[in-house]
Amino acid sequence: MVNKKTILLTSIIALAISFSASANKPIYKWKDGQGNIKYTQSKPPRGTEFEVIYQRVSDSAKSEQSKQQNSSQSNLQDDIIAQQNKEIEKAKKANEEITNKNCTIAKNNLETLESSHRVFTVVEGERRLLTDKERSDKLATAKSNVSKYCK
């Protein structure tokens, strides 16, 4: 003979499983052709007016839902941080390229000013030779730029 406690325990477990399986489904309230109010978890026949009733969620389900929301918020924050890091890396690469171009320009200017050739400049559309003072000033600036941009 089966123990009454075993039957009772099995019944309670089966009942709990059936309730938890149906907890996430909406309930439909509608009237049949004879005017009787029906409550079902399946949609009523087409053309029938109905009302959707959602069951209350238990505290444990709410806490699970909040955990999922926190997890999704955390994932969203991680995605935002990853995107920001990518943008920072792009900016660093762009800055490196600009610095390399500036270095090349500074080296070319220094090389031109250190050569024994005459150096011309264009002022207001007219070409003229640099004076010795202007040349030495521009040479100092070029050396400063080389040390600044060529690290």
N, C-alpha and C. Protein backbone atom coordinates (compact mmCIF):
# COMPACT_ATOMS: atom_id res chain seq x y z
N MET A 1 0.84 -1.17 0.00
CA MET A 1 0.00 0.00 0.00
C MET A 1 0.89 1.24 0.00
N VAL A 2 0.47 2.21 -0.78
CA VAL A 2 1.24 3.43 -0.91
C VAL A 2 0.95 4.32 0.29
N ASN A 3 2.01 4.89 0.78
CA ASN A 3 1.91 5.75 1.95
C ASN A 3 1.12 7.02 1.61
N LYS A 4 0.23 7.46 2.50
CA LYS A 4 -0.57 8.67 2.27
C LYS A 4 0.32 9.91 2.15
N LYS A 5 1.39 9.95 2.89
CA LYS A 5 2.30 11.10 2.83
C LYS A 5 2.94 11.20 1.45
N THR A 6 3.28 10.07 0.87
CA THR A 6 3.90 10.06 -0.46
C THR A 6 2.92 10.58 -1.50
N ILE A 7 1.67 10.14 -1.41
CA ILE A 7 0.64 10.59 -2.35
C ILE A 7 0.42 12.10 -2.19
N LEU A 8 0.33 12.55 -0.96
CA LEU A 8 0.11 13.97 -0.69
C LEU A 8 1.29 14.81 -1.21
N LEU A 9 2.49 14.37 -0.95
CA LEU A 9 3.69 15.09 -1.41
C LEU A 9 3.75 15.12 -2.93
N THR A 10 3.45 14.01 -3.58
CA THR A 10 3.45 13.96 -5.04
C THR A 10 2.39 14.89 -5.61
N SER A 11 1.22 14.91 -4.98
CA SER A 11 0.14 15.80 -5.45
C SER A 11 0.53 17.26 -5.31
N ILE A 12 1.14 17.61 -4.20
CA ILE A 12 1.56 19.00 -3.98
C ILE A 12 2.61 19.41 -5.01
N ILE A 13 3.56 18.54 -5.26
CA ILE A 13 4.62 18.85 -6.25
C ILE A 13 4.01 19.01 -7.64
N ALA A 14 3.11 18.12 -8.02
CA ALA A 14 2.47 18.21 -9.33
C ALA A 14 1.67 19.50 -9.46
N LEU A 15 0.98 19.87 -8.40
CA LEU A 15 0.20 21.10 -8.40
C LEU A 15 1.11 22.33 -8.52
N ALA A 16 2.21 22.32 -7.80
CA ALA A 16 3.16 23.45 -7.85
C ALA A 16 3.76 23.58 -9.24
N ILE A 17 4.08 22.47 -9.86
CA ILE A 17 4.65 22.50 -11.22
C ILE A 17 3.63 23.05 -12.21
N SER A 18 2.39 22.63 -12.07
CA SER A 18 1.37 23.11 -13.02
C SER A 18 1.12 24.61 -12.83
N PHE A 19 1.15 25.09 -11.59
CA PHE A 19 0.97 26.53 -11.36
C PHE A 19 2.15 27.33 -11.90
N SER A 20 3.35 26.84 -11.68
CA SER A 20 4.52 27.60 -12.15
C SER A 20 4.60 27.60 -13.67
N ALA A 21 4.13 26.54 -14.31
CA ALA A 21 4.15 26.49 -15.77
C ALA A 21 3.16 27.47 -16.37
N SER A 22 2.06 27.68 -15.68
CA SER A 22 1.03 28.57 -16.22
C SER A 22 1.15 30.00 -15.70
N ALA A 23 2.10 30.29 -14.86
CA ALA A 23 2.20 31.61 -14.24
C ALA A 23 2.55 32.70 -15.24
N ASN A 24 3.26 32.38 -16.29
CA ASN A 24 3.69 33.40 -17.24
C ASN A 24 2.68 33.67 -18.34
N LYS A 25 1.62 32.87 -18.42
CA LYS A 25 0.66 33.02 -19.50
C LYS A 25 -0.46 33.97 -19.07
N PRO A 26 -0.95 34.79 -20.00
CA PRO A 26 -2.08 35.67 -19.66
C PRO A 26 -3.38 34.87 -19.61
N ILE A 27 -4.35 35.41 -18.92
CA ILE A 27 -5.67 34.80 -18.84
C ILE A 27 -6.63 35.67 -19.64
N TYR A 28 -7.48 35.03 -20.43
CA TYR A 28 -8.45 35.74 -21.27
C TYR A 28 -9.84 35.61 -20.65
N LYS A 29 -10.51 36.75 -20.51
CA LYS A 29 -11.88 36.77 -19.99
C LYS A 29 -12.80 37.14 -21.15
N TRP A 30 -13.80 36.30 -21.41
CA TRP A 30 -14.70 36.54 -22.53
C TRP A 30 -16.05 35.89 -22.28
N LYS A 31 -17.03 36.26 -23.07
CA LYS A 31 -18.37 35.68 -22.95
C LYS A 31 -18.63 34.77 -24.14
N ASP A 32 -19.18 33.61 -23.86
CA ASP A 32 -19.51 32.70 -24.96
C ASP A 32 -20.84 33.11 -25.58
N GLY A 33 -21.30 32.34 -26.55
CA GLY A 33 -22.53 32.66 -27.27
C GLY A 33 -23.77 32.69 -26.39
N GLN A 34 -23.73 32.03 -25.25
CA GLN A 34 -24.88 31.98 -24.35
C GLN A 34 -24.79 33.03 -23.24
N GLY A 35 -23.73 33.86 -23.28
CA GLY A 35 -23.59 34.92 -22.28
C GLY A 35 -22.84 34.51 -21.03
N ASN A 36 -22.30 33.29 -21.01
CA ASN A 36 -21.54 32.83 -19.86
C ASN A 36 -20.12 33.41 -19.91
N ILE A 37 -19.61 33.87 -18.76
CA ILE A 37 -18.25 34.41 -18.70
C ILE A 37 -17.27 33.24 -18.61
N LYS A 38 -16.27 33.29 -19.45
CA LYS A 38 -15.25 32.23 -19.50
C LYS A 38 -13.89 32.83 -19.18
N TYR A 39 -13.07 32.07 -18.47
CA TYR A 39 -11.68 32.43 -18.18
C TYR A 39 -10.81 31.30 -18.75
N THR A 40 -9.95 31.63 -19.70
CA THR A 40 -9.09 30.61 -20.30
C THR A 40 -7.70 31.18 -20.53
N GLN A 41 -6.75 30.25 -20.71
CA GLN A 41 -5.39 30.68 -21.06
C GLN A 41 -5.16 30.62 -22.56
N SER A 42 -6.12 30.10 -23.28
CA SER A 42 -6.02 30.12 -24.74
C SER A 42 -6.93 31.22 -25.26
N LYS A 43 -6.57 31.78 -26.40
CA LYS A 43 -7.35 32.90 -26.94
C LYS A 43 -8.76 32.42 -27.29
N PRO A 44 -9.74 33.31 -27.10
CA PRO A 44 -11.12 32.94 -27.44
C PRO A 44 -11.29 32.87 -28.95
N PRO A 45 -12.43 32.35 -29.43
CA PRO A 45 -12.66 32.26 -30.87
C PRO A 45 -12.59 33.65 -31.52
N ARG A 46 -12.22 33.65 -32.80
CA ARG A 46 -12.10 34.92 -33.52
C ARG A 46 -13.43 35.65 -33.53
N GLY A 47 -13.32 37.00 -33.45
CA GLY A 47 -14.51 37.83 -33.48
C GLY A 47 -15.15 38.01 -32.12
N THR A 48 -14.62 37.35 -31.11
CA THR A 48 -15.17 37.46 -29.76
C THR A 48 -14.42 38.55 -29.01
N GLU A 49 -15.16 39.43 -28.36
CA GLU A 49 -14.51 40.45 -27.54
C GLU A 49 -13.97 39.78 -26.29
N PHE A 50 -12.75 40.19 -25.89
CA PHE A 50 -12.16 39.60 -24.70
C PHE A 50 -11.32 40.63 -23.97
N GLU A 51 -10.97 40.28 -22.75
CA GLU A 51 -10.12 41.13 -21.91
C GLU A 51 -8.95 40.27 -21.46
N VAL A 52 -7.75 40.84 -21.51
CA VAL A 52 -6.56 40.10 -21.09
C VAL A 52 -6.28 40.44 -19.63
N ILE A 53 -6.12 39.42 -18.82
CA ILE A 53 -5.83 39.60 -17.40
C ILE A 53 -4.48 38.96 -17.13
N TYR A 54 -3.60 39.73 -16.55
CA TYR A 54 -2.28 39.20 -16.21
C TYR A 54 -2.26 38.84 -14.74
N GLN A 55 -1.65 37.70 -14.45
CA GLN A 55 -1.56 37.24 -13.08
C GLN A 55 -0.48 38.02 -12.35
N ARG A 56 -0.66 38.14 -11.06
CA ARG A 56 0.37 38.80 -10.27
C ARG A 56 1.58 37.89 -10.19
N VAL A 57 2.72 38.52 -10.22
CA VAL A 57 3.97 37.77 -10.16
C VAL A 57 4.43 37.75 -8.71
N SER A 58 4.89 36.59 -8.26
CA SER A 58 5.34 36.46 -6.88
C SER A 58 6.63 37.24 -6.66
N ASP A 59 7.00 37.43 -5.39
CA ASP A 59 8.21 38.18 -5.06
C ASP A 59 9.45 37.52 -5.64
N SER A 60 9.49 36.19 -5.62
CA SER A 60 10.67 35.51 -6.16
C SER A 60 10.77 35.73 -7.66
N ALA A 61 9.64 35.75 -8.34
CA ALA A 61 9.67 36.02 -9.78
C ALA A 61 10.07 37.46 -10.04
N LYS A 62 9.59 38.39 -9.18
CA LYS A 62 9.98 39.79 -9.33
C LYS A 62 11.47 39.95 -9.12
N SER A 63 12.02 39.27 -8.09
CA SER A 63 13.45 39.40 -7.84
C SER A 63 14.25 38.80 -9.00
N GLU A 64 13.75 37.73 -9.59
CA GLU A 64 14.42 37.14 -10.75
C GLU A 64 14.36 38.11 -11.93
N GLN A 65 13.21 38.76 -12.07
CA GLN A 65 13.05 39.73 -13.16
C GLN A 65 13.98 40.91 -12.94
N SER A 66 14.10 41.38 -11.70
CA SER A 66 15.00 42.51 -11.43
C SER A 66 16.45 42.11 -11.63
N LYS A 67 16.78 40.85 -11.33
CA LYS A 67 18.14 40.37 -11.59
C LYS A 67 18.43 40.39 -13.08
N GLN A 68 17.45 39.96 -13.87
CA GLN A 68 17.63 39.98 -15.32
C GLN A 68 17.77 41.40 -15.83
N GLN A 69 16.98 42.33 -15.28
CA GLN A 69 17.08 43.72 -15.70
C GLN A 69 18.44 44.29 -15.32
N ASN A 70 18.92 43.98 -14.10
CA ASN A 70 20.24 44.44 -13.68
C ASN A 70 21.32 43.87 -14.57
N SER A 71 21.15 42.60 -14.93
CA SER A 71 22.11 41.96 -15.82
C SER A 71 22.11 42.62 -17.18
N SER A 72 20.92 42.91 -17.70
CA SER A 72 20.85 43.55 -19.02
C SER A 72 21.39 44.98 -18.95
N GLN A 73 21.16 45.68 -17.83
CA GLN A 73 21.73 47.02 -17.67
C GLN A 73 23.24 46.94 -17.60
N SER A 74 23.74 45.93 -16.90
CA SER A 74 25.19 45.75 -16.80
C SER A 74 25.78 45.47 -18.17
N ASN A 75 25.10 44.62 -18.95
CA ASN A 75 25.57 44.33 -20.31
C ASN A 75 25.54 45.57 -21.17
N LEU A 76 24.50 46.38 -21.01
CA LEU A 76 24.40 47.63 -21.77
C LEU A 76 25.54 48.58 -21.39
N GLN A 77 25.83 48.67 -20.10
CA GLN A 77 26.93 49.52 -19.65
C GLN A 77 28.26 49.00 -20.20
N ASP A 78 28.43 47.69 -20.20
CA ASP A 78 29.66 47.11 -20.76
C ASP A 78 29.79 47.44 -22.24
N ASP A 79 28.68 47.38 -22.97
CA ASP A 79 28.70 47.73 -24.39
C ASP A 79 29.06 49.19 -24.60
N ILE A 80 28.51 50.06 -23.75
CA ILE A 80 28.80 51.49 -23.86
C ILE A 80 30.28 51.75 -23.58
N ILE A 81 30.80 51.11 -22.55
CA ILE A 81 32.22 51.29 -22.20
C ILE A 81 33.10 50.77 -23.33
N ALA A 82 32.75 49.63 -23.90
CA ALA A 82 33.53 49.08 -25.01
C ALA A 82 33.51 50.03 -26.20
N GLN A 83 32.35 50.61 -26.49
CA GLN A 83 32.24 51.57 -27.60
C GLN A 83 33.09 52.80 -27.32
N GLN A 84 33.07 53.29 -26.08
CA GLN A 84 33.88 54.46 -25.72
C GLN A 84 35.36 54.14 -25.85
N ASN A 85 35.76 52.93 -25.45
CA ASN A 85 37.16 52.54 -25.58
C ASN A 85 37.58 52.49 -27.05
N LYS A 86 36.69 52.01 -27.92
CA LYS A 86 36.99 51.99 -29.35
C LYS A 86 37.18 53.40 -29.88
N GLU A 87 36.31 54.31 -29.44
CA GLU A 87 36.42 55.70 -29.89
C GLU A 87 37.71 56.34 -29.38
N ILE A 88 38.09 56.02 -28.16
CA ILE A 88 39.35 56.54 -27.60
C ILE A 88 40.52 56.03 -28.42
N GLU A 89 40.49 54.74 -28.77
CA GLU A 89 41.58 54.18 -29.58
C GLU A 89 41.64 54.84 -30.95
N LYS A 90 40.48 55.10 -31.56
CA LYS A 90 40.46 55.79 -32.85
C LYS A 90 41.08 57.17 -32.72
N ALA A 91 40.72 57.88 -31.66
CA ALA A 91 41.25 59.23 -31.44
C ALA A 91 42.76 59.18 -31.24
N LYS A 92 43.24 58.17 -30.48
CA LYS A 92 44.68 58.04 -30.27
C LYS A 92 45.41 57.80 -31.59
N LYS A 93 44.85 56.93 -32.42
CA LYS A 93 45.48 56.65 -33.72
C LYS A 93 45.49 57.89 -34.59
N ALA A 94 44.38 58.64 -34.59
CA ALA A 94 44.32 59.87 -35.38
C ALA A 94 45.35 60.88 -34.87
N ASN A 95 45.49 60.98 -33.55
CA ASN A 95 46.48 61.90 -32.98
C ASN A 95 47.90 61.47 -33.33
N GLU A 96 48.15 60.17 -33.33
CA GLU A 96 49.48 59.67 -33.71
C GLU A 96 49.79 60.02 -35.15
N GLU A 97 48.80 59.86 -36.03
CA GLU A 97 49.01 60.20 -37.44
C GLU A 97 49.30 61.69 -37.60
N ILE A 98 48.56 62.53 -36.89
CA ILE A 98 48.79 63.97 -36.96
C ILE A 98 50.18 64.31 -36.43
N THR A 99 50.56 63.69 -35.32
CA THR A 99 51.88 63.94 -34.74
C THR A 99 52.97 63.51 -35.71
N ASN A 100 52.79 62.37 -36.37
CA ASN A 100 53.78 61.90 -37.35
C ASN A 100 53.89 62.87 -38.52
N LYS A 101 52.76 63.39 -38.99
CA LYS A 101 52.80 64.38 -40.08
C LYS A 101 53.51 65.65 -39.63
N ASN A 102 53.19 66.10 -38.41
CA ASN A 102 53.85 67.30 -37.88
C ASN A 102 55.35 67.08 -37.74
N CYS A 103 55.75 65.88 -37.34
CA CYS A 103 57.17 65.56 -37.22
C CYS A 103 57.85 65.65 -38.58
N THR A 104 57.21 65.07 -39.58
CA THR A 104 57.78 65.11 -40.93
C THR A 104 57.92 66.55 -41.42
N ILE A 105 56.90 67.35 -41.20
CA ILE A 105 56.95 68.76 -41.62
C ILE A 105 58.05 69.50 -40.87
N ALA A 106 58.15 69.27 -39.55
CA ALA A 106 59.17 69.94 -38.75
C ALA A 106 60.57 69.55 -39.20
N LYS A 107 60.79 68.27 -39.51
CA LYS A 107 62.11 67.82 -39.99
C LYS A 107 62.44 68.45 -41.33
N ASN A 108 61.44 68.51 -42.21
CA ASN A 108 61.67 69.14 -43.53
C ASN A 108 62.01 70.62 -43.37
N ASN A 109 61.30 71.32 -42.50
CA ASN A 109 61.59 72.74 -42.27
C ASN A 109 62.99 72.92 -41.70
N LEU A 110 63.37 72.08 -40.75
CA LEU A 110 64.70 72.16 -40.15
C LEU A 110 65.77 71.90 -41.19
N GLU A 111 65.57 70.89 -42.00
CA GLU A 111 66.53 70.55 -43.05
C GLU A 111 66.68 71.71 -44.03
N THR A 112 65.57 72.31 -44.40
CA THR A 112 65.61 73.44 -45.34
C THR A 112 66.35 74.62 -44.73
N LEU A 113 66.07 74.93 -43.48
CA LEU A 113 66.70 76.08 -42.83
C LEU A 113 68.18 75.85 -42.54
N GLU A 114 68.59 74.60 -42.31
CA GLU A 114 69.99 74.31 -42.03
C GLU A 114 70.83 74.21 -43.30
N SER A 115 70.19 74.08 -44.44
CA SER A 115 70.95 74.01 -45.68
C SER A 115 71.54 75.39 -45.98
N SER A 116 72.53 75.41 -46.85
CA SER A 116 73.20 76.68 -47.17
C SER A 116 72.48 77.44 -48.27
N HIS A 117 71.36 76.91 -48.74
CA HIS A 117 70.61 77.58 -49.80
C HIS A 117 69.88 78.80 -49.26
N ARG A 118 69.54 79.67 -50.15
CA ARG A 118 68.75 80.84 -49.77
C ARG A 118 67.32 80.38 -49.49
N VAL A 119 66.71 80.99 -48.49
CA VAL A 119 65.35 80.61 -48.11
C VAL A 119 64.44 81.80 -48.38
N PHE A 120 63.39 81.52 -49.12
CA PHE A 120 62.41 82.55 -49.46
C PHE A 120 61.15 82.35 -48.63
N THR A 121 60.42 83.41 -48.47
CA THR A 121 59.11 83.34 -47.83
C THR A 121 58.14 84.17 -48.65
N VAL A 122 56.87 83.86 -48.53
CA VAL A 122 55.85 84.59 -49.26
C VAL A 122 55.04 85.39 -48.25
N VAL A 123 55.06 86.71 -48.41
CA VAL A 123 54.32 87.60 -47.53
C VAL A 123 53.39 88.42 -48.39
N GLU A 124 52.11 88.33 -48.13
CA GLU A 124 51.09 89.07 -48.87
C GLU A 124 51.25 88.91 -50.38
N GLY A 125 51.51 87.69 -50.80
CA GLY A 125 51.61 87.40 -52.23
C GLY A 125 52.95 87.72 -52.85
N GLU A 126 53.91 88.28 -52.10
CA GLU A 126 55.23 88.62 -52.64
C GLU A 126 56.29 87.72 -52.03
N ARG A 127 57.20 87.25 -52.87
CA ARG A 127 58.31 86.42 -52.42
C ARG A 127 59.47 87.30 -52.01
N ARG A 128 60.08 86.97 -50.86
CA ARG A 128 61.27 87.70 -50.44
C ARG A 128 62.19 86.78 -49.67
N LEU A 129 63.47 87.15 -49.60
CA LEU A 129 64.47 86.38 -48.86
C LEU A 129 64.32 86.62 -47.37
N LEU A 130 64.61 85.56 -46.59
CA LEU A 130 64.61 85.72 -45.14
C LEU A 130 65.90 86.42 -44.72
N THR A 131 65.79 87.29 -43.74
CA THR A 131 67.01 87.91 -43.19
C THR A 131 67.67 86.88 -42.29
N ASP A 132 68.92 87.16 -41.91
CA ASP A 132 69.64 86.24 -41.02
C ASP A 132 68.92 86.09 -39.68
N LYS A 133 68.38 87.18 -39.16
CA LYS A 133 67.65 87.15 -37.90
C LYS A 133 66.39 86.28 -38.04
N GLU A 134 65.62 86.47 -39.11
CA GLU A 134 64.42 85.68 -39.35
C GLU A 134 64.77 84.20 -39.51
N ARG A 135 65.87 83.96 -40.22
CA ARG A 135 66.30 82.58 -40.45
C ARG A 135 66.67 81.91 -39.14
N SER A 136 67.41 82.61 -38.26
CA SER A 136 67.81 82.01 -36.98
C SER A 136 66.58 81.80 -36.08
N ASP A 137 65.62 82.74 -36.12
CA ASP A 137 64.39 82.56 -35.34
C ASP A 137 63.60 81.35 -35.82
N LYS A 138 63.45 81.23 -37.14
CA LYS A 138 62.71 80.09 -37.71
C LYS A 138 63.46 78.78 -37.46
N LEU A 139 64.80 78.84 -37.46
CA LEU A 139 65.61 77.65 -37.17
C LEU A 139 65.36 77.19 -35.74
N ALA A 140 65.31 78.13 -34.80
CA ALA A 140 65.04 77.78 -33.40
C ALA A 140 63.64 77.19 -33.26
N THR A 141 62.69 77.78 -33.96
CA THR A 141 61.31 77.26 -33.92
C THR A 141 61.24 75.86 -34.52
N ALA A 142 61.96 75.65 -35.62
CA ALA A 142 61.96 74.33 -36.27
C ALA A 142 62.57 73.28 -35.35
N LYS A 143 63.68 73.62 -34.66
CA LYS A 143 64.30 72.68 -33.72
C LYS A 143 63.33 72.36 -32.57
N SER A 144 62.64 73.39 -32.10
CA SER A 144 61.65 73.20 -31.04
C SER A 144 60.53 72.27 -31.51
N ASN A 145 60.07 72.47 -32.74
CA ASN A 145 59.00 71.62 -33.29
C ASN A 145 59.46 70.18 -33.47
N VAL A 146 60.71 69.99 -33.89
CA VAL A 146 61.24 68.63 -34.05
C VAL A 146 61.26 67.93 -32.70
N SER A 147 61.75 68.62 -31.67
CA SER A 147 61.79 67.99 -30.34
C SER A 147 60.38 67.77 -29.78
N LYS A 148 59.44 68.62 -30.18
CA LYS A 148 58.07 68.51 -29.70
C LYS A 148 57.31 67.36 -30.37
N TYR A 149 57.42 67.24 -31.70
CA TYR A 149 56.61 66.28 -32.45
C TYR A 149 57.32 64.96 -32.76
N CYS A 150 58.63 64.94 -32.69
CA CYS A 150 59.37 63.72 -33.04
C CYS A 150 59.92 63.10 -31.77
N LYS A 151 59.11 62.32 -31.12
CA LYS A 151 59.52 61.70 -29.85
C LYS A 151 59.98 60.29 -30.06
